[in-house]
Protein backbone atom coordinates (compact mmCIF):
# COMPACT_ATOMS: atom_id res chain seq x y z
CA UNK A 1 20.42 53.71 30.56
CA UNK A 2 22.99 51.10 29.76
CA UNK A 3 25.79 51.74 27.37
CA UNK A 4 26.67 49.21 24.40
CA UNK A 5 29.64 47.16 25.09
CA UNK A 6 31.56 45.76 21.90
CA UNK A 7 33.46 42.51 21.71
CA UNK A 8 36.34 43.25 19.73
CA UNK A 9 38.05 40.32 18.04
CA UNK A 10 41.36 38.79 19.49
CA UNK A 11 44.43 39.75 17.69
CA UNK A 12 46.82 37.71 19.78
CA UNK A 13 47.25 34.71 21.93
CA UNK A 14 44.80 32.68 19.70
CA UNK A 15 43.70 29.44 20.93
CA UNK A 16 44.35 26.88 18.40
CA UNK A 17 40.96 24.96 19.15
CA UNK A 18 39.11 28.29 18.67
CA UNK A 19 37.88 29.10 15.09
CA UNK A 20 39.64 32.00 13.52
CA UNK A 21 37.85 35.25 14.31
CA UNK A 22 36.37 37.79 11.40
CA UNK A 23 38.58 40.70 10.99
CA UNK A 24 35.60 42.90 10.21
CA UNK A 25 33.20 41.51 12.92
CA UNK A 26 32.31 43.65 15.80
CA UNK A 27 29.18 42.38 17.95
CA UNK A 28 27.39 44.81 20.29
CA UNK A 29 25.50 43.78 23.28
CA UNK A 30 24.00 45.72 26.14
CA UNK A 31 24.81 45.17 29.81
CA UNK A 32 23.36 46.59 32.96
CA UNK A 33 26.44 47.60 34.70
CA UNK A 34 28.06 50.52 32.98
CA UNK A 35 31.65 49.77 34.28
CA UNK A 36 31.54 46.09 34.84
CA UNK A 37 34.29 44.11 33.18
CA UNK A 38 33.14 42.26 30.09
CA UNK A 39 33.64 38.57 29.86
CA UNK A 40 34.48 37.23 26.55
CA UNK A 41 31.76 34.87 24.95
CA UNK A 42 32.20 31.34 25.02
CA UNK A 43 33.41 29.58 21.87
CA UNK A 44 31.68 26.19 21.31
CA UNK A 45 33.36 23.83 19.00
CA UNK A 46 30.79 22.65 16.23
CA UNK A 47 29.66 19.13 16.54
CA UNK A 48 30.67 16.79 13.64
CA UNK A 49 28.43 14.24 12.16
CA UNK A 50 29.26 10.62 13.09
CA UNK A 51 28.84 9.86 9.21
CA UNK A 52 31.77 12.18 8.45
CA UNK A 53 34.40 9.71 10.14
CA UNK A 54 33.04 6.70 8.32
CA UNK A 55 32.33 8.16 4.88
CA UNK A 56 35.25 8.29 2.35
CA UNK A 57 36.19 11.93 1.71
CA UNK A 58 35.55 11.30 -2.30
CA UNK A 59 31.99 10.09 -1.44
CA UNK A 60 31.37 12.80 0.79
CA UNK A 61 32.45 15.39 -1.67
CA UNK A 62 30.30 13.81 -4.29
CA UNK A 63 27.26 13.91 -1.96
CA UNK A 64 27.96 17.45 -1.11
CA UNK A 65 27.99 18.46 -4.86
CA UNK A 66 24.86 16.44 -5.58
CA UNK A 67 22.73 18.16 -2.66
CA UNK A 68 21.32 20.96 -4.60
CA UNK A 69 20.19 18.54 -7.29
CA UNK A 70 18.42 16.29 -4.62
CA UNK A 71 16.78 19.55 -3.32
CA UNK A 72 15.26 20.07 -6.83
CA UNK A 73 14.36 16.52 -7.38
CA UNK A 74 12.62 16.51 -3.91
CA UNK A 75 10.73 19.66 -5.04
CA UNK A 76 9.37 18.39 -8.11
CA UNK A 77 8.53 15.03 -6.47
CA UNK A 78 6.61 16.69 -3.69
CA UNK A 79 4.58 18.58 -6.33
CA UNK A 80 4.04 15.28 -8.34
CA UNK A 81 2.88 13.33 -5.22
CA UNK A 82 0.79 16.38 -3.54
CA UNK A 83 3.06 16.23 -0.50
CA UNK A 84 4.30 19.68 -0.64
CA UNK A 85 3.24 22.48 1.80
CA UNK A 86 1.46 24.74 -0.75
CA UNK A 87 -1.22 22.93 -2.74
CA UNK A 88 -1.82 26.03 -5.05
CA UNK A 89 1.41 25.14 -6.70
CA UNK A 90 -0.12 21.75 -7.85
CA UNK A 91 -3.33 23.58 -8.98
CA UNK A 92 -1.29 26.04 -10.93
CA UNK A 93 0.72 23.27 -12.58
CA UNK A 94 -2.65 21.56 -13.65
CA UNK A 95 -4.03 24.72 -14.98
CA UNK A 96 -0.95 25.63 -16.91
CA UNK A 97 -1.11 22.15 -18.53
CA UNK A 98 -4.69 22.55 -19.40
CA UNK A 99 -3.90 25.86 -21.21
CA UNK A 100 -0.89 24.59 -22.94
CA UNK A 101 -3.00 21.56 -24.41
CA UNK A 102 -6.07 23.43 -25.28
CA UNK A 103 -4.29 26.57 -26.86
CA UNK A 104 -0.91 24.98 -28.00
CA UNK A 105 -1.08 26.44 -31.53
CA UNK A 106 -2.12 30.17 -30.19
CA UNK A 107 0.72 29.90 -27.71
CA UNK A 108 3.36 28.86 -30.10
CA UNK A 109 2.19 31.48 -32.80
CA UNK A 110 1.65 34.54 -30.52
CA UNK A 111 4.08 34.22 -27.79
CA UNK A 112 6.53 31.36 -28.67
CA UNK A 113 9.62 33.49 -28.20
CA UNK A 114 8.16 34.64 -24.67
CA UNK A 115 7.68 31.29 -23.55
CA UNK A 116 11.45 30.62 -24.37
CA UNK A 117 12.32 33.60 -22.22
CA UNK A 118 9.90 32.55 -19.38
CA UNK A 119 11.89 28.99 -19.36
CA UNK A 120 15.16 30.78 -19.03
CA UNK A 121 13.83 33.08 -16.26
CA UNK A 122 12.29 30.27 -14.62
CA UNK A 123 15.51 28.36 -14.47
CA UNK A 124 17.33 31.44 -13.07
CA UNK A 125 14.61 31.79 -10.34
CA UNK A 126 14.80 28.24 -9.50
CA UNK A 127 18.48 28.36 -9.34
CA UNK A 128 18.73 31.51 -6.97
CA UNK A 129 16.00 29.95 -4.73
CA UNK A 130 17.84 26.71 -4.64
CA UNK A 131 21.11 28.49 -3.68
CA UNK A 132 19.30 30.62 -0.97
CA UNK A 133 17.70 27.31 0.43
CA UNK A 134 21.12 25.57 0.53
CA UNK A 135 23.33 28.46 1.86
CA UNK A 136 26.32 27.16 3.35
CA UNK A 137 27.92 23.82 2.80
CA UNK A 138 25.53 21.05 3.81
CA UNK A 139 26.23 18.51 6.39
CA UNK A 140 26.16 14.74 5.40
CA UNK A 141 23.09 14.26 7.70
CA UNK A 142 21.30 16.80 5.53
CA UNK A 143 22.26 15.01 2.35
CA UNK A 144 21.31 11.61 3.66
CA UNK A 145 17.85 13.24 4.77
CA UNK A 146 17.22 14.51 1.30
CA UNK A 147 18.29 11.49 -0.34
CA UNK A 148 15.75 9.46 1.66
CA UNK A 149 12.87 11.86 1.10
CA UNK A 150 13.74 11.36 -2.67
CA UNK A 151 13.62 7.59 -2.37
CA UNK A 152 10.38 7.69 -0.39
CA UNK A 153 8.49 10.11 -2.73
CA UNK A 154 9.76 8.01 -5.65
CA UNK A 155 8.02 5.03 -4.34
CA UNK A 156 4.85 6.91 -3.66
CA UNK A 157 5.03 8.26 -7.27
CA UNK A 158 5.69 4.81 -8.72
CA UNK A 159 3.24 2.87 -6.28
CA UNK A 160 0.55 2.83 -8.85
CA UNK A 161 2.65 0.53 -11.10
CA UNK A 162 4.54 -1.41 -8.44
CA UNK A 163 1.51 -2.28 -6.54
CA UNK A 164 0.14 -4.32 -9.48
CA UNK A 165 2.80 -6.84 -9.24
CA UNK A 166 2.12 -8.10 -12.87
CA UNK A 167 3.20 -11.54 -13.80
CA UNK A 168 4.43 -12.74 -17.32
CA UNK A 169 1.11 -13.97 -17.98
CA UNK A 170 -0.62 -10.68 -16.79
CA UNK A 171 1.55 -8.71 -19.28
CA UNK A 172 0.88 -10.98 -22.01
CA UNK A 173 -2.80 -10.85 -21.47
CA UNK A 174 -2.50 -6.93 -21.18
CA UNK A 175 -0.66 -6.74 -24.51
CA UNK A 176 -3.17 -8.99 -26.43
CA UNK A 177 -6.19 -7.11 -24.96
CA UNK A 178 -4.71 -3.74 -25.95
CA UNK A 179 -3.87 -5.14 -29.58
CA UNK A 180 -7.39 -6.58 -29.83
CA UNK A 181 -8.83 -3.25 -29.01
CA UNK A 182 -6.76 -1.18 -31.22
CA UNK A 183 -9.35 -0.86 -34.10
CA UNK A 184 -11.95 0.20 -31.45
CA UNK A 185 -9.51 3.03 -30.25
CA UNK A 186 -8.87 4.27 -33.72
CA UNK A 187 -12.48 4.58 -34.34
CA UNK A 188 -13.26 6.62 -31.19
CA UNK A 189 -10.09 8.70 -31.51
CA UNK A 190 -11.03 9.61 -35.25
CA UNK A 191 -14.93 10.14 -35.02
CA UNK A 192 -15.93 10.78 -31.42
CA UNK A 193 -12.99 12.03 -29.04
CA UNK A 194 -10.31 14.30 -30.55
CA UNK A 195 -6.71 13.44 -29.75
CA UNK A 196 -6.37 16.71 -27.87
CA UNK A 197 -9.09 15.84 -25.48
CA UNK A 198 -7.50 12.25 -24.83
CA UNK A 199 -4.08 14.02 -24.11
CA UNK A 200 -5.78 16.40 -21.79
CA UNK A 201 -7.70 13.87 -19.76
CA UNK A 202 -4.75 11.62 -19.61
CA UNK A 203 -2.37 14.52 -18.29
CA UNK A 204 -4.70 15.88 -15.81
CA UNK A 205 -5.42 12.30 -14.29
CA UNK A 206 -1.73 11.83 -13.98
CA UNK A 207 -0.92 15.24 -12.42
CA UNK A 208 -4.06 14.69 -9.95
CA UNK A 209 -3.54 10.94 -9.32
CA UNK A 210 -2.09 11.46 -5.72
CA UNK A 211 -4.41 14.13 -4.60
CA UNK A 212 -6.75 13.52 -1.70
CA UNK A 213 -9.72 14.34 -3.87
CA UNK A 214 -8.76 12.05 -6.55
CA UNK A 215 -7.95 9.07 -4.04
CA UNK A 216 -11.53 9.46 -2.63
CA UNK A 217 -13.08 9.62 -5.96
CA UNK A 218 -11.44 6.64 -7.33
CA UNK A 219 -12.29 4.64 -4.16
CA UNK A 220 -15.84 5.63 -4.43
CA UNK A 221 -15.94 4.98 -8.37
CA UNK A 222 -14.42 1.40 -7.79
CA UNK A 223 -17.35 0.36 -5.42
CA UNK A 224 -19.45 0.12 -8.61
CA UNK A 225 -19.55 -3.13 -10.16
CA UNK A 226 -19.71 -1.43 -13.76
CA UNK A 227 -16.37 0.25 -13.09
CA UNK A 228 -14.74 -2.97 -12.39
CA UNK A 229 -16.27 -4.76 -15.12
CA UNK A 230 -15.27 -1.98 -17.67
CA UNK A 231 -11.81 -1.90 -16.49
CA UNK A 232 -11.47 -5.84 -16.78
CA UNK A 233 -12.64 -5.67 -20.40
CA UNK A 234 -10.30 -2.73 -21.26
CA UNK A 235 -7.25 -4.67 -19.64
CA UNK A 236 -8.03 -8.12 -19.52
CA UNK A 237 -6.90 -8.08 -16.07
CA UNK A 238 -8.90 -9.03 -12.80
CA UNK A 239 -8.21 -6.54 -10.11
CA UNK A 240 -11.01 -7.99 -7.67
CA UNK A 241 -8.87 -10.72 -6.32
CA UNK A 242 -5.21 -9.58 -6.62
CA UNK A 243 -4.26 -11.60 -3.69
CA UNK A 244 -4.56 -14.81 -5.00
CA UNK A 245 -1.12 -14.97 -6.76
CA UNK A 246 0.47 -13.34 -3.63
CA UNK A 247 -1.37 -16.11 -1.53
CA UNK A 248 0.20 -18.80 -3.62
CA UNK A 249 3.56 -17.30 -3.60
CA UNK A 250 3.48 -16.69 -0.01
CA UNK A 251 2.42 -20.10 0.88
CA UNK A 252 5.17 -21.62 -1.33
CA UNK A 253 7.80 -19.33 0.44
CA UNK A 254 6.28 -20.74 3.93
CA UNK A 255 6.25 -24.28 2.77
CA UNK A 256 9.67 -24.16 1.41
CA UNK A 257 10.88 -22.63 4.84
CA UNK A 258 9.32 -24.87 7.11
CA UNK A 259 8.99 -28.03 5.18
CA UNK A 260 12.17 -28.04 2.70
CA UNK A 261 11.93 -31.91 2.64
CA UNK A 262 8.13 -32.32 2.52
CA UNK A 263 8.65 -35.32 0.15
CA UNK A 264 5.37 -34.58 -1.82
CA UNK A 265 3.17 -34.48 1.23
CA UNK A 266 0.24 -31.78 1.20
CA UNK A 267 0.09 -29.05 3.63
CA UNK A 268 -3.10 -27.49 4.78
CA UNK A 269 -4.08 -23.90 5.04
CA UNK A 270 -7.22 -22.22 6.60
CA UNK A 271 -8.76 -19.52 4.51
CA UNK A 272 -10.66 -16.92 6.71
CA UNK A 273 -13.40 -14.44 5.26
CA UNK A 274 -15.64 -11.98 7.09
CA UNK A 275 -19.02 -11.19 6.04
CA UNK A 276 -20.19 -7.57 6.89
CA UNK A 277 -23.73 -6.20 6.93
CA UNK A 278 -25.54 -2.94 7.80
CA UNK A 279 -29.07 -2.34 9.12
CA UNK A 280 -31.18 0.10 7.26
CA UNK A 281 -34.46 1.38 8.64
CA UNK A 282 -37.53 -0.29 7.05
CA UNK A 283 -35.30 -2.78 5.21
CA UNK A 284 -33.20 -4.76 7.83
CA UNK A 285 -29.78 -6.42 7.63
CA UNK A 286 -28.31 -6.41 3.93
CA UNK A 287 -24.89 -6.23 2.27
CA UNK A 288 -25.51 -2.78 1.10
CA UNK A 289 -22.91 -0.76 3.08
CA UNK A 290 -21.87 2.81 2.74
CA UNK A 291 -19.54 3.50 -0.07
CA UNK A 292 -16.74 4.95 2.09
CA UNK A 293 -16.51 1.99 4.57
CA UNK A 294 -15.29 -1.61 4.20
CA UNK A 295 -16.57 -3.99 1.59
CA UNK A 296 -19.41 -6.56 2.21
CA UNK A 297 -16.81 -9.31 2.23
CA UNK A 298 -13.41 -8.78 3.77
CA UNK A 299 -10.33 -10.50 5.02
CA UNK A 300 -8.91 -10.24 8.53
CA UNK A 301 -7.33 -6.83 7.59
CA UNK A 302 -10.46 -5.27 6.04
CA UNK A 303 -9.01 -5.89 2.61
CA UNK A 304 -11.77 -6.54 0.11
CA UNK A 305 -12.27 -10.24 -0.61
CA UNK A 306 -14.64 -12.28 -2.86
CA UNK A 307 -17.78 -13.72 -1.30
CA UNK A 308 -18.02 -17.61 -0.16
CA UNK A 309 -19.91 -18.33 -3.41
CA UNK A 310 -17.25 -16.57 -5.86
CA UNK A 311 -13.90 -17.29 -3.94
CA UNK A 312 -11.64 -19.25 -5.90
CA UNK A 313 -8.39 -20.95 -5.24
CA UNK A 314 -5.40 -19.50 -6.66
CA UNK A 315 -3.79 -21.16 -9.63
CA UNK A 316 0.03 -21.74 -10.11
CA UNK A 317 1.86 -19.79 -12.88
CA UNK A 318 5.06 -20.11 -14.46
CA UNK A 319 6.70 -17.29 -12.37
CA UNK A 320 5.85 -18.86 -9.07
CA UNK A 321 8.83 -18.85 -6.93
CA UNK A 322 10.68 -21.70 -5.44
CA UNK A 323 9.54 -23.77 -8.45
CA UNK A 324 13.07 -25.56 -8.59
CA UNK A 325 12.23 -26.97 -4.97
CA UNK A 326 8.52 -27.48 -5.11
CA UNK A 327 7.26 -28.20 -8.55
CA UNK A 328 3.65 -28.90 -9.81
CA UNK A 329 1.96 -27.51 -6.66
CA UNK A 330 -1.98 -27.42 -6.91
CA UNK A 331 -4.88 -26.28 -4.56
CA UNK A 332 -7.63 -28.33 -3.70
CA UNK A 333 -10.46 -27.81 -1.09
CA UNK A 334 -10.35 -30.11 2.00
CA UNK A 335 -13.80 -28.93 3.36
CA UNK A 336 -16.69 -29.58 0.98
CA UNK A 337 -18.21 -26.00 1.75
CA UNK A 338 -17.48 -22.99 3.84
CA UNK A 339 -18.15 -23.09 7.50
CA UNK A 340 -19.46 -20.41 9.80
CA UNK A 341 -17.20 -20.04 12.88
CA UNK A 342 -19.88 -19.76 15.74
CA UNK A 343 -17.47 -18.34 18.22
CA UNK A 344 -16.43 -15.63 15.74
CA UNK A 345 -12.70 -16.01 16.46
CA UNK A 346 -13.59 -16.28 20.36
CA UNK A 347 -15.80 -13.45 20.67
CA UNK A 348 -18.96 -15.50 21.19
CA UNK A 349 -19.08 -17.89 24.12
CA UNK A 350 -20.99 -21.32 23.18
CA UNK A 351 -22.89 -23.34 25.54
CA UNK A 352 -21.39 -26.39 27.09
CA UNK A 353 -23.83 -28.66 25.25
CA UNK A 354 -22.63 -27.23 21.86
CA UNK A 355 -20.08 -29.67 20.51
CA UNK A 356 -19.19 -28.28 17.11
CA UNK A 357 -17.82 -24.70 16.72
CA UNK A 358 -18.52 -24.50 13.13
CA UNK A 359 -21.57 -25.23 10.97
CA UNK A 360 -22.15 -25.52 7.26
CA UNK A 361 -25.85 -24.40 7.30
CA UNK A 362 -26.15 -21.43 9.65
CA UNK A 363 -29.26 -19.56 10.59
CA UNK A 364 -29.60 -16.06 9.04
CA UNK A 365 -28.66 -14.30 12.22
CA UNK A 366 -26.31 -16.80 13.61
CA UNK A 367 -22.58 -16.04 14.51
CA UNK A 368 -22.63 -12.18 14.37
CA UNK A 369 -20.89 -9.69 16.43
CA UNK A 370 -22.87 -6.49 16.36
CA UNK A 371 -21.30 -2.98 16.57
CA UNK A 372 -22.46 0.55 16.36
CA UNK A 373 -22.76 2.79 13.27
CA UNK A 374 -18.83 3.32 13.26
CA UNK A 375 -18.06 -0.49 13.57
CA UNK A 376 -17.09 -0.05 17.35
CA UNK A 377 -18.53 -1.48 20.69
CA UNK A 378 -19.08 -4.96 19.82
CA UNK A 379 -21.74 -6.90 21.32
CA UNK A 380 -23.18 -10.44 20.90
CA UNK A 381 -26.91 -9.27 20.92
CA UNK A 382 -28.68 -6.89 18.67
CA UNK A 383 -29.90 -3.68 20.10
CA UNK A 384 -31.30 -0.27 18.79
CA UNK A 385 -27.88 1.17 18.82
CA UNK A 386 -26.32 -1.57 16.77
CA UNK A 387 -26.44 -0.79 12.96
CA UNK A 388 -23.43 -2.95 11.77
CA UNK A 389 -22.33 -6.68 12.14
CA UNK A 390 -20.13 -9.27 10.87
CA UNK A 391 -19.27 -13.09 11.15
CA UNK A 392 -16.46 -15.16 10.33
CA UNK A 393 -16.42 -17.99 7.54
CA UNK A 394 -13.60 -20.56 7.38
CA UNK A 395 -12.57 -23.15 4.96
CA UNK A 396 -9.33 -25.37 4.69
CA UNK A 397 -7.64 -26.12 1.58
CA UNK A 398 -4.51 -28.18 0.73
CA UNK A 399 -1.40 -27.35 -1.29
CA UNK A 400 -0.55 -30.74 -2.84
CA UNK A 401 2.68 -31.63 -4.83
CA UNK A 402 1.66 -33.86 -7.59
CA UNK A 403 3.59 -34.92 -10.87
CA UNK A 404 2.62 -33.76 -14.50
CA UNK A 405 0.46 -36.61 -15.33
CA UNK A 406 -1.59 -36.35 -12.04
CA UNK A 407 -5.26 -36.40 -12.64
CA UNK A 408 -6.28 -35.08 -9.31
CA UNK A 409 -8.90 -32.43 -9.17
CA UNK A 410 -9.99 -29.80 -6.72
CA UNK A 411 -12.98 -31.93 -5.69
CA UNK A 412 -11.13 -34.93 -4.47
CA UNK A 413 -12.00 -34.80 -0.79
CA UNK A 414 -12.91 -38.24 0.19
CA UNK A 415 -9.36 -39.86 -0.90
CA UNK A 416 -7.45 -37.00 1.27
CA UNK A 417 -9.36 -37.46 4.28
CA UNK A 418 -7.67 -40.65 5.58
CA UNK A 419 -4.24 -39.39 4.72
CA UNK A 420 -4.11 -36.04 6.60
CA UNK A 421 -4.68 -37.75 10.00
CA UNK A 422 -2.56 -36.40 12.71
CA UNK A 423 -0.65 -34.26 10.40
CA UNK A 424 0.55 -30.62 10.80
CA UNK A 425 -1.57 -28.11 9.28
CA UNK A 426 -0.53 -24.65 8.68
CA UNK A 427 -2.98 -21.58 9.21
CA UNK A 428 -2.10 -18.89 6.73
CA UNK A 429 -2.92 -15.20 6.73
CA UNK A 430 -3.01 -13.48 3.45
CA UNK A 431 -1.87 -9.70 4.20
CA UNK A 432 0.89 -10.30 6.56
CA UNK A 433 2.03 -13.56 4.83
CA UNK A 434 2.56 -15.36 8.06
CA UNK A 435 2.08 -19.09 8.89
CA UNK A 436 1.32 -20.69 12.36
CA UNK A 437 2.20 -24.30 12.67
CA UNK A 438 -0.58 -25.88 14.75
CA UNK A 439 -0.68 -29.55 15.94
CA UNK A 440 -4.14 -30.92 15.43
CA UNK A 441 -5.76 -34.40 14.87
CA UNK A 442 -8.24 -34.51 12.11
CA UNK A 443 -11.54 -35.91 12.94
CA UNK A 444 -12.89 -38.50 10.72
CA UNK A 445 -16.44 -37.93 11.66
CA UNK A 446 -18.38 -36.81 8.43
CA UNK A 447 -19.87 -33.26 8.00
CA UNK A 448 -23.35 -34.68 8.19
CA UNK A 449 -22.83 -35.90 11.73
CA UNK A 450 -21.82 -32.27 12.87
CA UNK A 451 -24.97 -30.79 10.95
CA UNK A 452 -27.14 -33.30 12.79
CA UNK A 453 -25.80 -32.46 16.20
CA UNK A 454 -26.24 -28.72 15.41
CA UNK A 455 -29.76 -29.32 14.44
CA UNK A 456 -30.67 -31.27 17.68
CA UNK A 457 -28.86 -28.52 19.61
């Protein structure tokens, strides 16, 4: 049996690059050779972070002192955003809030002093757990990691409000609607629903907002038109097409970037909408899709969009950016109607005799790309294994720059047809807010000629 060999700390001849040894430390290890000489353990100099050399000592000291508070903030943000490892902590918090709201008087009367002691004990337990988690002095890399995590979780927590991107007119409309519905709220709170229930439902909704179950439930509930109508009448805001304002803002930004000296010349944009359908046995192809999949009408990035009949051009607002450089911009349609892309963005090969790639009066089954039940395996023909399909609609609009007394309307198409010949058109994509400059010559042939050619073909 091998004997334990002890490495005693050095008392003399200390290496200046070696950290000081602990006087009371005595490490034991087992070796196979009983009388073999023992080699001293190698001492590795600890690696320092690159941030340490570039960060002032005062800032580094402040970040180090703030590290325990960052750990606490990260812990609470993880619970609030449901990104922690143990979901039962969130469930316990929801149950505690429910009991506190429903039995507030009984808790204060019978165990108010115990609640105060429990708060102090909870603070002590939290302090000890944070001290155990922090341990020794943290490095700057750990502090930066905690700070980055706190920023990301804060963005997640505030995403429901920041994603709305409300303008000044939206806030005014929301305030006006709230004031207008105040009498109705007073009647409901006084006669039908108790304030305690309102507080309970509101608090539970906020605490469970970021949970996976609530996200799925909200998505399914939003698919019903009645839900969107109720939200519209309660807030005065239309959430069905929130990208119209973003579309105008992005268009103005791109126009200002690419044509800063446009001189009042209109710029053309192409809108793209996809029509999605599902095949039901005994019914056929309809727009009734499953609740968890894409909407019947979407953009190129599967975001829900209005149909071709309900799509409206965005209206400029007072808070539109670049108003100093581009003033009085208005949208108007160049195409009279939406036109079906017969090639479905290049997925369908047209015969050589087919002159036009678009049509305003397509057949019910024309221009579709068929896919399976999961919207995969695309094909140009309908088979027994194809249960979904989609086709592409396009329409061109102009962003015109007109004075205040201009009487131009959105239906003025004939007057602009001769002015846009050999002009640069911009193809705009809503989600990524990118613009592709494409050189094209505008054909002066009337739409009726295209339709006649389509019918003959």
